[in-house]
Amino acid sequence: MNQKGDIMASMVTANLLTRADLDALPDDGLRHELIDGHFVMTPAPGTAHQTIAIQLASQLNQALRGSGLKVLTAPFDVVLGSHVVEPDIVVAPKANFTAQDLPVPPLLVVEILSPTTQHLDRGRKREIYAEAGVPHYWIVDPDEPAITIYELNAAARTDRSSYLEVAHAACDDSLDVEQPVALRITPAELRDD
């Protein structure tokens, strides 16, 4: 087995891993995350996924101009306690970013569903974001297309454990979002069909 294969095999079979273990992996263009002490690797996203990420990040960037907030797309590490995740889109104050990661919870996380990640995006990663106190979480379904807007439950501001769905739009329906940025989103316009 080559060195890369040895590293990958040892990472997958180790009990609990750390950020140092994750940082030791070679840069291979894949997403490497650390969730609950376990290494999670997902393939590079497809064209439709990337098109939506670029379109939405561009809209967010335009709306946030001059606000002191920054928009970044994956791959970029977000460190939430012992977890290291790579959301599709992240928004946070510019001052909170370092050269290699975002070491504090962002204001907004956007995940674009794909067959290989939707169980994590709707499940454990959503829980991690809530537990870390990320106030805004959006999920984009590229197939429908649709976007669902979640806000941290008011009760969760104490126990940080859940989100409430506050808005949903599909296809040609438009959705006006006020927090953390004023923006009108039409899911069908995010695709390049």
N, C-alpha and C. Protein backbone atom coordinates (compact mmCIF):
# COMPACT_ATOMS: atom_id res chain seq x y z
N MET A 1 0.85 -1.18 0.00
CA MET A 1 0.00 0.00 0.00
C MET A 1 0.89 1.24 0.00
N ASN A 2 0.50 2.30 -0.73
CA ASN A 2 1.32 3.51 -0.76
C ASN A 2 1.13 4.31 0.52
N GLN A 3 1.95 5.36 0.68
CA GLN A 3 1.90 6.14 1.92
C GLN A 3 0.52 6.76 2.12
N LYS A 4 -0.07 7.30 1.07
CA LYS A 4 -1.40 7.89 1.18
C LYS A 4 -2.41 6.84 1.64
N GLY A 5 -2.37 5.65 1.06
CA GLY A 5 -3.27 4.58 1.46
C GLY A 5 -3.07 4.17 2.89
N ASP A 6 -1.81 4.15 3.34
CA ASP A 6 -1.52 3.81 4.74
C ASP A 6 -2.13 4.84 5.68
N ILE A 7 -1.98 6.12 5.34
CA ILE A 7 -2.54 7.17 6.18
C ILE A 7 -4.06 7.06 6.21
N MET A 8 -4.68 6.90 5.04
CA MET A 8 -6.13 6.81 4.96
C MET A 8 -6.65 5.62 5.76
N ALA A 9 -6.02 4.47 5.61
CA ALA A 9 -6.47 3.27 6.31
C ALA A 9 -6.33 3.45 7.81
N SER A 10 -5.22 4.02 8.26
CA SER A 10 -5.03 4.18 9.71
C SER A 10 -6.00 5.20 10.27
N MET A 11 -6.34 6.22 9.49
CA MET A 11 -7.26 7.24 9.98
C MET A 11 -8.67 6.66 10.12
N VAL A 12 -9.07 5.87 9.18
CA VAL A 12 -10.42 5.33 9.21
C VAL A 12 -10.60 4.32 10.34
N THR A 13 -9.55 3.56 10.67
CA THR A 13 -9.69 2.50 11.66
C THR A 13 -9.31 2.93 13.07
N ALA A 14 -8.71 4.11 13.24
CA ALA A 14 -8.34 4.57 14.59
C ALA A 14 -9.59 4.83 15.42
N ASN A 15 -9.44 4.74 16.75
CA ASN A 15 -10.59 4.96 17.62
C ASN A 15 -11.08 6.40 17.59
N LEU A 16 -10.38 7.30 18.28
CA LEU A 16 -10.76 8.70 18.27
C LEU A 16 -9.61 9.52 17.71
N LEU A 17 -9.93 10.33 16.73
CA LEU A 17 -8.91 11.11 16.05
C LEU A 17 -8.96 12.56 16.51
N THR A 18 -7.89 13.29 16.18
CA THR A 18 -7.78 14.69 16.58
C THR A 18 -7.56 15.56 15.35
N ARG A 19 -7.56 16.86 15.59
CA ARG A 19 -7.28 17.81 14.51
C ARG A 19 -5.89 17.55 13.92
N ALA A 20 -4.93 17.19 14.76
CA ALA A 20 -3.57 16.90 14.26
C ALA A 20 -3.60 15.73 13.28
N ASP A 21 -4.40 14.71 13.56
CA ASP A 21 -4.53 13.58 12.64
C ASP A 21 -5.11 14.04 11.30
N LEU A 22 -6.12 14.89 11.38
CA LEU A 22 -6.75 15.41 10.17
C LEU A 22 -5.77 16.24 9.36
N ASP A 23 -5.00 17.08 10.04
CA ASP A 23 -4.03 17.93 9.36
C ASP A 23 -2.89 17.14 8.71
N ALA A 24 -2.66 15.91 9.17
CA ALA A 24 -1.59 15.07 8.61
C ALA A 24 -1.96 14.45 7.26
N LEU A 25 -3.24 14.52 6.89
CA LEU A 25 -3.67 13.95 5.62
C LEU A 25 -3.15 14.77 4.45
N PRO A 26 -2.86 14.12 3.33
CA PRO A 26 -2.41 14.86 2.15
C PRO A 26 -3.56 15.66 1.54
N ASP A 27 -3.24 16.73 0.87
CA ASP A 27 -4.25 17.53 0.18
C ASP A 27 -4.58 16.82 -1.13
N ASP A 28 -5.72 16.12 -1.14
CA ASP A 28 -6.09 15.31 -2.30
C ASP A 28 -7.35 15.81 -3.01
N GLY A 29 -7.84 16.99 -2.62
CA GLY A 29 -9.01 17.54 -3.27
C GLY A 29 -10.33 17.03 -2.71
N LEU A 30 -10.27 16.09 -1.78
CA LEU A 30 -11.49 15.57 -1.16
C LEU A 30 -11.76 16.34 0.13
N ARG A 31 -12.99 16.25 0.59
CA ARG A 31 -13.35 16.89 1.86
C ARG A 31 -13.00 15.95 2.99
N HIS A 32 -12.26 16.48 3.94
CA HIS A 32 -11.88 15.70 5.12
C HIS A 32 -12.47 16.40 6.33
N GLU A 33 -13.31 15.70 7.06
CA GLU A 33 -13.94 16.26 8.25
C GLU A 33 -13.67 15.35 9.44
N LEU A 34 -13.77 15.93 10.62
CA LEU A 34 -13.60 15.20 11.86
C LEU A 34 -14.89 15.38 12.66
N ILE A 35 -15.66 14.30 12.76
CA ILE A 35 -16.95 14.35 13.43
C ILE A 35 -16.98 13.29 14.51
N ASP A 36 -17.21 13.73 15.74
CA ASP A 36 -17.25 12.82 16.89
C ASP A 36 -15.99 11.96 16.99
N GLY A 37 -14.84 12.54 16.64
CA GLY A 37 -13.58 11.83 16.74
C GLY A 37 -13.33 10.84 15.62
N HIS A 38 -14.19 10.86 14.60
CA HIS A 38 -14.05 9.94 13.47
C HIS A 38 -13.81 10.72 12.19
N PHE A 39 -12.95 10.17 11.37
CA PHE A 39 -12.61 10.76 10.09
C PHE A 39 -13.74 10.51 9.09
N VAL A 40 -14.20 11.57 8.43
CA VAL A 40 -15.24 11.47 7.41
C VAL A 40 -14.69 12.10 6.14
N MET A 41 -14.67 11.32 5.08
CA MET A 41 -14.18 11.80 3.79
C MET A 41 -15.31 11.69 2.78
N THR A 42 -15.53 12.76 2.04
CA THR A 42 -16.55 12.73 1.00
C THR A 42 -15.92 13.16 -0.32
N PRO A 43 -16.43 12.62 -1.42
CA PRO A 43 -15.87 12.98 -2.72
C PRO A 43 -16.17 14.43 -3.08
N ALA A 44 -15.42 14.95 -4.01
CA ALA A 44 -15.67 16.30 -4.51
C ALA A 44 -17.09 16.35 -5.06
N PRO A 45 -17.79 17.46 -4.84
CA PRO A 45 -19.17 17.57 -5.30
C PRO A 45 -19.26 17.67 -6.82
N GLY A 46 -20.46 17.38 -7.34
CA GLY A 46 -20.70 17.42 -8.77
C GLY A 46 -20.99 18.82 -9.28
N THR A 47 -21.21 18.92 -10.57
CA THR A 47 -21.40 20.20 -11.24
C THR A 47 -22.61 20.97 -10.72
N ALA A 48 -23.76 20.30 -10.59
CA ALA A 48 -24.97 20.99 -10.12
C ALA A 48 -24.77 21.55 -8.72
N HIS A 49 -24.17 20.76 -7.86
CA HIS A 49 -23.87 21.18 -6.49
C HIS A 49 -22.98 22.43 -6.49
N GLN A 50 -21.91 22.39 -7.28
CA GLN A 50 -20.98 23.51 -7.33
C GLN A 50 -21.61 24.76 -7.94
N THR A 51 -22.46 24.58 -8.94
CA THR A 51 -23.15 25.71 -9.55
C THR A 51 -24.01 26.43 -8.52
N ILE A 52 -24.76 25.65 -7.74
CA ILE A 52 -25.61 26.25 -6.70
C ILE A 52 -24.75 26.94 -5.65
N ALA A 53 -23.66 26.31 -5.24
CA ALA A 53 -22.78 26.92 -4.24
C ALA A 53 -22.23 28.26 -4.74
N ILE A 54 -21.80 28.30 -5.98
CA ILE A 54 -21.25 29.54 -6.54
C ILE A 54 -22.32 30.61 -6.64
N GLN A 55 -23.50 30.24 -7.15
CA GLN A 55 -24.59 31.22 -7.30
C GLN A 55 -25.02 31.80 -5.95
N LEU A 56 -25.23 30.93 -4.97
CA LEU A 56 -25.69 31.40 -3.66
C LEU A 56 -24.60 32.19 -2.94
N ALA A 57 -23.36 31.72 -3.01
CA ALA A 57 -22.26 32.46 -2.38
C ALA A 57 -22.10 33.84 -3.01
N SER A 58 -22.29 33.92 -4.31
CA SER A 58 -22.20 35.20 -5.01
C SER A 58 -23.30 36.15 -4.54
N GLN A 59 -24.53 35.64 -4.42
CA GLN A 59 -25.64 36.46 -3.94
C GLN A 59 -25.38 36.94 -2.51
N LEU A 60 -24.90 36.02 -1.67
CA LEU A 60 -24.59 36.39 -0.28
C LEU A 60 -23.48 37.44 -0.24
N ASN A 61 -22.45 37.23 -1.01
CA ASN A 61 -21.32 38.16 -1.04
C ASN A 61 -21.78 39.56 -1.45
N GLN A 62 -22.62 39.62 -2.47
CA GLN A 62 -23.16 40.90 -2.94
C GLN A 62 -23.98 41.58 -1.85
N ALA A 63 -24.84 40.83 -1.19
CA ALA A 63 -25.71 41.38 -0.15
C ALA A 63 -24.93 41.81 1.10
N LEU A 64 -23.80 41.17 1.36
CA LEU A 64 -23.02 41.45 2.57
C LEU A 64 -21.93 42.49 2.36
N ARG A 65 -21.80 42.99 1.16
CA ARG A 65 -20.74 43.97 0.86
C ARG A 65 -20.80 45.14 1.85
N GLY A 66 -19.65 45.43 2.46
CA GLY A 66 -19.55 46.53 3.41
C GLY A 66 -20.05 46.23 4.81
N SER A 67 -20.45 44.98 5.06
CA SER A 67 -21.04 44.61 6.35
C SER A 67 -20.02 44.14 7.38
N GLY A 68 -18.80 43.87 6.96
CA GLY A 68 -17.81 43.30 7.87
C GLY A 68 -17.90 41.78 7.95
N LEU A 69 -18.82 41.19 7.17
CA LEU A 69 -18.96 39.74 7.13
C LEU A 69 -18.30 39.19 5.87
N LYS A 70 -17.86 37.94 5.97
CA LYS A 70 -17.17 37.29 4.86
C LYS A 70 -17.89 36.00 4.50
N VAL A 71 -17.93 35.68 3.21
CA VAL A 71 -18.52 34.45 2.69
C VAL A 71 -17.40 33.60 2.12
N LEU A 72 -17.33 32.33 2.55
CA LEU A 72 -16.38 31.39 1.97
C LEU A 72 -17.10 30.10 1.61
N THR A 73 -16.58 29.43 0.60
CA THR A 73 -17.12 28.13 0.19
C THR A 73 -16.10 27.04 0.51
N ALA A 74 -16.60 25.81 0.58
CA ALA A 74 -15.74 24.65 0.83
C ALA A 74 -14.77 24.49 -0.33
N PRO A 75 -13.62 23.92 -0.10
CA PRO A 75 -13.18 23.37 1.18
C PRO A 75 -12.55 24.43 2.08
N PHE A 76 -13.06 24.55 3.28
CA PHE A 76 -12.50 25.44 4.30
C PHE A 76 -12.93 24.91 5.66
N ASP A 77 -11.97 24.71 6.55
CA ASP A 77 -12.26 24.11 7.85
C ASP A 77 -12.96 25.09 8.79
N VAL A 78 -14.00 24.59 9.43
CA VAL A 78 -14.69 25.30 10.51
C VAL A 78 -14.53 24.42 11.74
N VAL A 79 -13.91 24.96 12.77
CA VAL A 79 -13.62 24.21 13.99
C VAL A 79 -14.70 24.52 15.02
N LEU A 80 -15.45 23.49 15.40
CA LEU A 80 -16.52 23.62 16.39
C LEU A 80 -16.25 22.63 17.50
N GLY A 81 -15.54 23.09 18.53
CA GLY A 81 -15.13 22.19 19.61
C GLY A 81 -14.15 21.17 19.07
N SER A 82 -14.45 19.89 19.27
CA SER A 82 -13.57 18.82 18.78
C SER A 82 -13.89 18.43 17.33
N HIS A 83 -14.89 19.05 16.74
CA HIS A 83 -15.30 18.75 15.37
C HIS A 83 -14.62 19.71 14.39
N VAL A 84 -14.27 19.20 13.22
CA VAL A 84 -13.77 20.02 12.13
C VAL A 84 -14.63 19.69 10.92
N VAL A 85 -15.44 20.66 10.49
CA VAL A 85 -16.38 20.43 9.40
C VAL A 85 -16.05 21.37 8.24
N GLU A 86 -16.57 21.03 7.07
CA GLU A 86 -16.38 21.84 5.87
C GLU A 86 -17.74 22.12 5.24
N PRO A 87 -18.47 23.11 5.78
CA PRO A 87 -19.77 23.44 5.18
C PRO A 87 -19.59 23.91 3.73
N ASP A 88 -20.64 23.77 2.94
CA ASP A 88 -20.57 24.23 1.56
C ASP A 88 -20.37 25.74 1.48
N ILE A 89 -21.08 26.47 2.35
CA ILE A 89 -20.93 27.93 2.43
C ILE A 89 -20.95 28.31 3.90
N VAL A 90 -20.11 29.26 4.26
CA VAL A 90 -20.06 29.75 5.63
C VAL A 90 -19.98 31.27 5.60
N VAL A 91 -20.70 31.91 6.55
CA VAL A 91 -20.66 33.36 6.70
C VAL A 91 -20.31 33.68 8.15
N ALA A 92 -19.31 34.56 8.32
CA ALA A 92 -18.88 34.95 9.66
C ALA A 92 -18.20 36.32 9.57
N PRO A 93 -18.03 36.98 10.72
CA PRO A 93 -17.27 38.24 10.70
C PRO A 93 -15.87 38.00 10.15
N LYS A 94 -15.41 38.92 9.30
CA LYS A 94 -14.08 38.78 8.68
C LYS A 94 -13.00 38.57 9.73
N ALA A 95 -13.11 39.27 10.85
CA ALA A 95 -12.08 39.21 11.89
C ALA A 95 -11.97 37.83 12.53
N ASN A 96 -12.97 36.99 12.38
CA ASN A 96 -12.96 35.66 13.02
C ASN A 96 -12.20 34.61 12.22
N PHE A 97 -11.93 34.87 10.95
CA PHE A 97 -11.23 33.90 10.10
C PHE A 97 -9.73 33.97 10.34
N THR A 98 -9.08 32.82 10.34
CA THR A 98 -7.62 32.78 10.30
C THR A 98 -7.22 32.39 8.88
N ALA A 99 -5.94 32.29 8.62
CA ALA A 99 -5.48 31.91 7.28
C ALA A 99 -5.90 30.50 6.90
N GLN A 100 -6.08 29.61 7.90
CA GLN A 100 -6.39 28.22 7.58
C GLN A 100 -7.77 27.73 8.03
N ASP A 101 -8.46 28.49 8.90
CA ASP A 101 -9.76 27.99 9.36
C ASP A 101 -10.60 29.08 10.00
N LEU A 102 -11.79 28.68 10.41
CA LEU A 102 -12.67 29.52 11.21
C LEU A 102 -12.78 28.82 12.56
N PRO A 103 -12.10 29.34 13.60
CA PRO A 103 -12.04 28.64 14.89
C PRO A 103 -13.21 28.92 15.83
N VAL A 104 -14.21 29.64 15.37
CA VAL A 104 -15.39 29.96 16.19
C VAL A 104 -16.64 29.70 15.36
N PRO A 105 -17.79 29.55 16.00
CA PRO A 105 -19.02 29.30 15.24
C PRO A 105 -19.34 30.46 14.29
N PRO A 106 -19.71 30.14 13.05
CA PRO A 106 -20.12 31.18 12.10
C PRO A 106 -21.53 31.66 12.39
N LEU A 107 -21.95 32.71 11.68
CA LEU A 107 -23.33 33.20 11.78
C LEU A 107 -24.28 32.35 10.95
N LEU A 108 -23.77 31.85 9.82
CA LEU A 108 -24.59 31.08 8.88
C LEU A 108 -23.78 29.94 8.30
N VAL A 109 -24.42 28.78 8.24
CA VAL A 109 -23.88 27.62 7.53
C VAL A 109 -24.92 27.22 6.49
N VAL A 110 -24.45 26.96 5.27
CA VAL A 110 -25.31 26.44 4.20
C VAL A 110 -24.75 25.10 3.77
N GLU A 111 -25.60 24.09 3.75
CA GLU A 111 -25.23 22.77 3.22
C GLU A 111 -26.10 22.50 2.00
N ILE A 112 -25.48 22.06 0.93
CA ILE A 112 -26.18 21.68 -0.30
C ILE A 112 -26.18 20.16 -0.34
N LEU A 113 -27.36 19.59 -0.35
CA LEU A 113 -27.49 18.14 -0.25
C LEU A 113 -26.90 17.42 -1.45
N SER A 114 -26.32 16.28 -1.18
CA SER A 114 -25.88 15.36 -2.23
C SER A 114 -26.15 13.96 -1.70
N PRO A 115 -26.22 12.97 -2.58
CA PRO A 115 -26.53 11.61 -2.12
C PRO A 115 -25.57 11.10 -1.05
N THR A 116 -24.30 11.51 -1.12
CA THR A 116 -23.32 10.98 -0.16
C THR A 116 -23.30 11.74 1.16
N THR A 117 -23.89 12.93 1.23
CA THR A 117 -23.79 13.72 2.46
C THR A 117 -25.12 14.09 3.11
N GLN A 118 -26.24 13.83 2.44
CA GLN A 118 -27.50 14.34 2.98
C GLN A 118 -27.84 13.79 4.36
N HIS A 119 -27.47 12.55 4.66
CA HIS A 119 -27.75 12.01 5.99
C HIS A 119 -26.98 12.77 7.06
N LEU A 120 -25.76 13.17 6.77
CA LEU A 120 -24.98 13.97 7.72
C LEU A 120 -25.50 15.40 7.81
N ASP A 121 -25.81 16.01 6.65
CA ASP A 121 -26.27 17.39 6.62
C ASP A 121 -27.59 17.57 7.36
N ARG A 122 -28.47 16.59 7.27
CA ARG A 122 -29.77 16.67 7.96
C ARG A 122 -29.72 16.09 9.37
N GLY A 123 -28.65 15.37 9.67
CA GLY A 123 -28.53 14.68 10.95
C GLY A 123 -27.45 15.24 11.84
N ARG A 124 -26.34 14.51 11.93
CA ARG A 124 -25.30 14.85 12.91
C ARG A 124 -24.68 16.23 12.72
N LYS A 125 -24.43 16.63 11.47
CA LYS A 125 -23.83 17.96 11.28
C LYS A 125 -24.81 19.06 11.72
N ARG A 126 -26.08 18.87 11.45
CA ARG A 126 -27.08 19.84 11.91
C ARG A 126 -27.04 19.95 13.43
N GLU A 127 -26.93 18.80 14.11
CA GLU A 127 -26.82 18.80 15.58
C GLU A 127 -25.56 19.52 16.04
N ILE A 128 -24.45 19.26 15.37
CA ILE A 128 -23.18 19.91 15.73
C ILE A 128 -23.30 21.42 15.59
N TYR A 129 -23.89 21.88 14.50
CA TYR A 129 -24.05 23.33 14.30
C TYR A 129 -24.93 23.93 15.41
N ALA A 130 -26.01 23.26 15.75
CA ALA A 130 -26.88 23.76 16.82
C ALA A 130 -26.16 23.77 18.16
N GLU A 131 -25.48 22.67 18.48
CA GLU A 131 -24.76 22.59 19.75
C GLU A 131 -23.69 23.67 19.87
N ALA A 132 -23.08 24.03 18.74
CA ALA A 132 -22.04 25.07 18.74
C ALA A 132 -22.63 26.47 18.80
N GLY A 133 -23.94 26.59 18.58
CA GLY A 133 -24.59 27.89 18.64
C GLY A 133 -24.61 28.64 17.33
N VAL A 134 -24.51 27.94 16.19
CA VAL A 134 -24.61 28.59 14.88
C VAL A 134 -26.07 29.05 14.73
N PRO A 135 -26.33 30.36 14.67
CA PRO A 135 -27.71 30.83 14.71
C PRO A 135 -28.55 30.56 13.46
N HIS A 136 -27.90 30.45 12.30
CA HIS A 136 -28.64 30.28 11.04
C HIS A 136 -28.08 29.10 10.26
N TYR A 137 -28.99 28.22 9.82
CA TYR A 137 -28.60 27.03 9.07
C TYR A 137 -29.55 26.88 7.90
N TRP A 138 -29.01 26.82 6.69
CA TRP A 138 -29.81 26.66 5.49
C TRP A 138 -29.43 25.34 4.82
N ILE A 139 -30.45 24.63 4.35
CA ILE A 139 -30.23 23.42 3.57
C ILE A 139 -30.82 23.62 2.18
N VAL A 140 -30.01 23.37 1.16
CA VAL A 140 -30.45 23.49 -0.22
C VAL A 140 -30.55 22.09 -0.82
N ASP A 141 -31.71 21.79 -1.39
CA ASP A 141 -31.91 20.52 -2.10
C ASP A 141 -31.81 20.83 -3.60
N PRO A 142 -30.73 20.42 -4.25
CA PRO A 142 -30.55 20.78 -5.66
C PRO A 142 -31.50 20.05 -6.60
N ASP A 143 -32.06 18.93 -6.17
CA ASP A 143 -32.92 18.15 -7.05
C ASP A 143 -34.28 18.80 -7.27
N GLU A 144 -34.86 19.37 -6.20
CA GLU A 144 -36.22 19.92 -6.31
C GLU A 144 -36.28 21.17 -7.20
N PRO A 145 -35.56 22.18 -7.20
CA PRO A 145 -34.68 22.68 -6.16
C PRO A 145 -35.48 23.37 -5.05
N ALA A 146 -34.90 23.39 -3.86
CA ALA A 146 -35.57 24.00 -2.71
C ALA A 146 -34.54 24.47 -1.70
N ILE A 147 -34.95 25.40 -0.87
CA ILE A 147 -34.12 25.86 0.24
C ILE A 147 -34.97 25.91 1.49
N THR A 148 -34.42 25.41 2.58
CA THR A 148 -35.09 25.45 3.87
C THR A 148 -34.21 26.26 4.82
N ILE A 149 -34.84 27.22 5.49
CA ILE A 149 -34.15 28.13 6.39
C ILE A 149 -34.47 27.72 7.83
N TYR A 150 -33.42 27.51 8.61
CA TYR A 150 -33.57 27.16 10.02
C TYR A 150 -32.92 28.23 10.88
N GLU A 151 -33.51 28.47 12.04
CA GLU A 151 -32.90 29.33 13.05
C GLU A 151 -32.80 28.55 14.33
N LEU A 152 -31.76 28.87 15.08
CA LEU A 152 -31.55 28.21 16.36
C LEU A 152 -32.76 28.46 17.25
N ASN A 153 -33.31 27.42 17.81
CA ASN A 153 -34.47 27.49 18.69
C ASN A 153 -34.14 28.42 19.86
N ALA A 154 -35.09 29.29 20.23
CA ALA A 154 -34.86 30.22 21.35
C ALA A 154 -34.45 29.46 22.60
N ALA A 155 -35.07 28.32 22.85
CA ALA A 155 -34.69 27.50 24.01
C ALA A 155 -33.29 26.95 23.83
N ALA A 156 -32.90 26.76 22.59
CA ALA A 156 -31.57 26.20 22.31
C ALA A 156 -30.47 27.20 22.59
N ARG A 157 -30.82 28.45 22.76
CA ARG A 157 -29.78 29.43 23.11
C ARG A 157 -29.19 29.09 24.46
N THR A 158 -29.92 28.28 25.24
CA THR A 158 -29.40 27.80 26.51
C THR A 158 -28.80 26.42 26.35
N ASP A 159 -29.57 25.47 25.77
CA ASP A 159 -29.05 24.11 25.65
C ASP A 159 -28.43 23.82 24.28
N ARG A 160 -28.60 24.73 23.32
CA ARG A 160 -27.96 24.65 22.00
C ARG A 160 -28.16 23.30 21.31
N SER A 161 -29.39 22.87 21.21
CA SER A 161 -29.59 21.53 20.68
C SER A 161 -30.52 21.42 19.49
N SER A 162 -31.19 22.50 19.07
CA SER A 162 -32.13 22.28 17.98
C SER A 162 -32.38 23.54 17.15
N TYR A 163 -32.87 23.29 15.94
CA TYR A 163 -33.25 24.36 15.02
C TYR A 163 -34.75 24.29 14.77
N LEU A 164 -35.32 25.45 14.46
CA LEU A 164 -36.70 25.54 14.03
C LEU A 164 -36.71 25.94 12.56
N GLU A 165 -37.56 25.28 11.77
CA GLU A 165 -37.72 25.68 10.38
C GLU A 165 -38.54 26.96 10.36
N VAL A 166 -38.00 28.02 9.74
CA VAL A 166 -38.70 29.30 9.70
C VAL A 166 -39.18 29.67 8.30
N ALA A 167 -38.63 29.03 7.27
CA ALA A 167 -39.06 29.32 5.91
C ALA A 167 -38.63 28.21 4.97
N HIS A 168 -39.38 28.08 3.87
CA HIS A 168 -39.06 27.08 2.85
C HIS A 168 -39.56 27.62 1.52
N ALA A 169 -38.77 27.44 0.49
CA ALA A 169 -39.19 27.81 -0.86
C ALA A 169 -38.70 26.74 -1.82
N ALA A 170 -39.51 26.49 -2.86
CA ALA A 170 -39.15 25.50 -3.86
C ALA A 170 -39.36 26.08 -5.25
N CYS A 171 -38.57 25.58 -6.17
CA CYS A 171 -38.67 25.91 -7.59
C CYS A 171 -38.66 27.41 -7.84
N ASP A 172 -39.76 27.95 -8.40
CA ASP A 172 -39.80 29.37 -8.76
C ASP A 172 -40.34 30.26 -7.65
N ASP A 173 -40.66 29.69 -6.49
CA ASP A 173 -41.10 30.51 -5.36
C ASP A 173 -39.92 31.30 -4.83
N SER A 174 -40.17 32.56 -4.50
CA SER A 174 -39.11 33.38 -3.91
C SER A 174 -39.26 33.43 -2.41
N LEU A 175 -38.16 33.61 -1.75
CA LEU A 175 -38.11 33.63 -0.29
C LEU A 175 -37.30 34.86 0.12
N ASP A 176 -37.89 35.69 0.99
CA ASP A 176 -37.18 36.85 1.51
C ASP A 176 -36.62 36.50 2.87
N VAL A 177 -35.30 36.58 2.99
CA VAL A 177 -34.60 36.29 4.24
C VAL A 177 -34.12 37.62 4.81
N GLU A 178 -34.25 37.79 6.12
CA GLU A 178 -33.79 39.03 6.76
C GLU A 178 -32.52 38.82 7.58
N GLN A 179 -32.33 37.62 8.13
CA GLN A 179 -31.19 37.36 9.00
C GLN A 179 -30.41 36.15 8.52
N PRO A 180 -29.13 36.13 8.53
CA PRO A 180 -28.23 37.20 8.97
C PRO A 180 -27.97 38.25 7.90
N VAL A 181 -28.69 38.13 6.77
CA VAL A 181 -28.52 39.06 5.66
C VAL A 181 -29.86 39.21 4.96
N ALA A 182 -30.16 40.43 4.49
CA ALA A 182 -31.39 40.64 3.72
C ALA A 182 -31.13 40.17 2.29
N LEU A 183 -31.95 39.21 1.88
CA LEU A 183 -31.70 38.57 0.58
C LEU A 183 -32.98 37.92 0.08
N ARG A 184 -33.23 38.02 -1.21
CA ARG A 184 -34.34 37.30 -1.85
C ARG A 184 -33.73 36.12 -2.61
N ILE A 185 -34.24 34.92 -2.31
CA ILE A 185 -33.71 33.70 -2.92
C ILE A 185 -34.82 33.00 -3.69
N THR A 186 -34.54 32.64 -4.92
CA THR A 186 -35.44 31.83 -5.74
C THR A 186 -34.66 30.57 -6.11
N PRO A 187 -35.01 29.42 -5.52
CA PRO A 187 -34.22 28.20 -5.72
C PRO A 187 -33.93 27.86 -7.18
N ALA A 188 -34.93 28.00 -8.06
CA ALA A 188 -34.71 27.64 -9.47
C ALA A 188 -33.63 28.49 -10.12
N GLU A 189 -33.44 29.72 -9.63
CA GLU A 189 -32.44 30.61 -10.20
C GLU A 189 -31.02 30.25 -9.76
N LEU A 190 -30.90 29.36 -8.77
CA LEU A 190 -29.58 28.93 -8.31
C LEU A 190 -28.99 27.86 -9.23
N ARG A 191 -29.86 27.21 -9.99
CA ARG A 191 -29.39 26.16 -10.90
C ARG A 191 -29.06 26.76 -12.26
N ASP A 192 -28.27 26.05 -13.02
CA ASP A 192 -27.86 26.51 -14.34
C ASP A 192 -28.49 25.60 -15.39
N ASP A 193 -29.82 25.56 -15.40
CA ASP A 193 -30.53 24.66 -16.32
C ASP A 193 -30.82 25.34 -17.65
